[in-house]
Protein backbone atom coordinates (compact mmCIF):
# COMPACT_ATOMS: atom_id res chain seq x y z
CA MET A 1 0.66 0.37 0.00
CA THR A 2 1.12 3.54 -1.57
CA ASP A 3 0.28 6.54 -0.94
CA HIS A 4 -0.60 8.37 -3.80
CA TRP A 5 2.76 9.08 -4.97
CA LYS A 6 3.24 8.96 -9.11
CA PRO A 7 6.40 6.94 -9.34
CA TYR A 8 4.84 4.16 -7.69
CA ALA A 9 3.15 3.36 -10.71
CA GLU A 10 5.73 2.49 -12.88
CA PHE A 11 7.87 0.53 -10.59
CA ILE A 12 4.97 -1.81 -8.45
CA PRO A 13 2.62 -3.61 -10.85
CA GLU A 14 -0.55 -2.60 -10.61
CA THR A 15 -2.16 -6.11 -10.06
CA ILE A 16 -0.70 -5.72 -6.68
CA HIS A 17 -1.10 -1.40 -6.07
CA THR A 18 -2.55 -0.40 -3.91
CA GLN A 19 -3.44 3.21 -3.39
CA SER A 20 -4.13 4.61 -0.27
CA LYS A 21 -3.17 7.06 2.48
CA ALA A 22 -5.54 5.76 5.62
CA GLU A 23 -2.54 3.56 7.10
CA THR A 24 0.32 6.53 5.90
CA TYR A 25 0.21 7.81 9.49
CA THR A 26 1.47 4.53 11.54
CA VAL A 27 4.19 5.25 9.11
CA GLU A 28 4.68 8.73 10.18
CA GLY A 29 3.84 7.67 13.58
CA TYR A 30 6.98 5.37 14.03
CA ASN A 31 9.20 7.59 11.67
CA SER A 32 8.52 10.08 14.14
CA ILE A 33 9.32 8.31 17.10
CA PHE A 34 12.85 7.24 16.03
CA ARG A 35 13.46 10.86 14.99
CA HIS A 36 12.58 11.36 18.59
CA PHE A 37 15.07 9.04 20.49
CA LEU A 38 16.69 8.60 17.82
CA ALA A 39 19.67 11.01 18.09
CA ARG A 40 21.38 8.98 14.70
CA LEU A 41 18.47 9.13 12.34
CA ARG A 42 18.00 13.02 13.01
CA ARG A 43 21.28 14.78 11.67
CA LYS A 44 23.48 13.68 9.73
CA THR A 45 26.33 16.68 10.89
CA LYS A 46 26.02 15.24 14.52
CA CYS A 47 25.08 11.74 15.09
CA TYR A 48 24.64 8.99 12.62
CA THR A 49 25.47 5.80 11.68
CA LYS A 50 28.65 3.97 10.64
CA SER A 51 26.76 0.81 11.45
CA LEU A 52 24.42 -0.63 9.43
CA GLU A 53 23.81 -3.54 12.56
CA MET A 54 24.53 -0.70 15.23
CA LEU A 55 21.37 1.10 13.28
CA LYS A 56 19.41 -2.06 13.63
CA TYR A 57 20.61 -2.82 17.77
CA SER A 58 19.42 0.67 18.37
CA VAL A 59 15.53 0.37 16.75
CA LEU A 60 14.99 -3.30 18.76
CA LEU A 61 16.00 -1.67 21.64
CA LEU A 62 14.70 0.69 21.89
CA MET A 63 11.17 -0.76 19.62
CA LYS A 64 11.89 -3.95 23.04
CA HIS A 65 12.17 -0.59 26.06
CA ARG A 66 8.80 0.52 24.10
CA ASN A 67 6.54 -2.33 24.21
CA LYS A 68 7.99 -2.79 27.98
CA GLU A 69 10.66 -6.40 26.79
CA LEU A 70 13.72 -5.56 28.69
CA ALA A 71 13.70 -6.21 32.67
CA ILE A 72 16.91 -3.13 32.59
CA PHE A 73 14.13 -0.58 32.85
CA GLY A 74 11.40 -2.34 34.42
C-alpha cells in the first residue's frame, strides 16, 4: 500500500498496488518516534550511524523498551 505519489506506478505492478493514505499515519508515527529518541536518525552532521548493524540494534532496543520487553528498565 502506498500513497498517491505517481512514480510508484512505474515500478509496482498494478495488480498488487493499492493507493491509499489510510495507513500512512502509522508509518509516519513510527518515523517520528525514531527521530525523536534516536539521535542517529536526526541530522547527519551531528550523530550518524557508521554501521548498519548498530542502527539495527538501536531500533530494536528502542522498540523493546517502548513495548516494555526490557527487564533492565523495569
